[in-house]
């Protein structure tokens, strides 16, 4: 699933997150999408957290698989 917190962190996690897993942040999370992007678990088996303002880096990365970019673009269409 994809979660977000009030500090504009986005977390991709297979676990149900109650709190943000961004280092140093323990804010409550809300579910953004039930979609799970398995590719992120290749980077870290527990998932990945990123600042919402940095999501464009995923879209601009030439090494990022197209299907990952497609899923991110559907959920965060204003990147």
Protein backbone atom coordinates (compact mmCIF):
# COMPACT_ATOMS: atom_id res chain seq x y z
CA UNK A 1 0.00 0.00 0.00
CA UNK A 2 0.95 3.61 -0.27
CA UNK A 3 0.72 5.87 2.76
CA UNK A 4 1.32 9.53 3.46
CA UNK A 5 1.85 11.67 6.54
CA UNK A 6 1.27 15.34 7.29
CA UNK A 7 4.96 16.11 6.68
CA UNK A 8 4.48 15.15 2.98
CA UNK A 9 6.29 11.85 3.24
CA UNK A 10 5.11 9.00 1.01
CA UNK A 11 5.71 5.42 2.17
CA UNK A 12 5.43 2.29 0.04
CA UNK A 13 4.92 -0.66 2.36
CA UNK A 14 3.44 -4.14 2.45
CA UNK A 15 2.71 -3.59 6.15
CA UNK A 16 -0.28 -1.67 7.42
CA UNK A 17 1.37 1.54 8.57
CA UNK A 18 -0.01 3.49 11.48
CA UNK A 19 3.05 5.71 11.72
CA UNK A 20 5.38 7.12 9.06
CA UNK A 21 8.59 5.15 8.56
CA UNK A 22 10.64 8.04 7.21
CA UNK A 23 13.74 8.32 9.36
CA UNK A 24 13.06 10.69 12.24
CA UNK A 25 9.31 10.94 11.55
CA UNK A 26 6.68 9.24 13.66
CA UNK A 27 3.59 11.08 12.42
CA UNK A 28 0.31 9.25 11.83
CA UNK A 29 -0.25 8.03 8.29
CA UNK A 30 -3.27 7.82 6.03
CA UNK A 31 -3.67 5.40 3.15
CA UNK A 32 -3.22 7.04 -0.25
CA UNK A 33 -3.69 3.94 -2.39
CA UNK A 34 -4.17 0.19 -1.94
CA UNK A 35 -1.86 -0.33 -4.94
CA UNK A 36 1.39 -2.08 -4.11
CA UNK A 37 4.47 -1.52 -6.27
CA UNK A 38 6.61 -4.61 -5.76
CA UNK A 39 9.66 -3.11 -7.46
CA UNK A 40 10.34 -0.89 -4.41
CA UNK A 41 10.88 -4.00 -2.29
CA UNK A 42 13.92 -4.84 -4.42
CA UNK A 43 15.53 -1.70 -2.97
CA UNK A 44 14.48 -2.48 0.60
CA UNK A 45 12.48 -5.51 1.69
CA UNK A 46 10.49 -3.35 4.13
CA UNK A 47 9.52 -0.74 1.56
CA UNK A 48 10.54 2.79 0.78
CA UNK A 49 9.75 6.30 2.03
CA UNK A 50 10.30 9.44 0.00
CA UNK A 51 9.42 13.11 0.29
CA UNK A 52 6.40 13.94 -1.87
CA UNK A 53 8.41 16.76 -3.51
CA UNK A 54 10.98 14.16 -4.62
CA UNK A 55 8.53 11.86 -6.43
CA UNK A 56 9.53 13.54 -9.69
CA UNK A 57 12.95 11.88 -9.30
CA UNK A 58 11.28 8.49 -9.76
CA UNK A 59 9.64 9.70 -12.96
CA UNK A 60 12.87 11.22 -14.29
CA UNK A 61 15.10 8.25 -13.48
CA UNK A 62 16.01 6.46 -16.74
CA UNK A 63 16.69 3.24 -14.82
CA UNK A 64 13.22 3.11 -13.29
CA UNK A 65 10.96 0.52 -14.96
CA UNK A 66 8.11 1.92 -17.08
CA UNK A 67 5.42 0.09 -15.13
CA UNK A 68 6.62 1.73 -11.89
CA UNK A 69 6.45 5.16 -13.54
CA UNK A 70 3.00 4.34 -14.90
CA UNK A 71 1.67 3.35 -11.45
CA UNK A 72 3.21 6.41 -9.78
CA UNK A 73 1.75 8.66 -12.50
CA UNK A 74 -1.75 7.25 -11.94
CA UNK A 75 -1.64 7.89 -8.22
CA UNK A 76 0.29 11.17 -8.18
CA UNK A 77 -0.92 12.70 -11.44
CA UNK A 78 0.35 16.20 -10.64
CA UNK A 79 4.08 15.32 -10.67
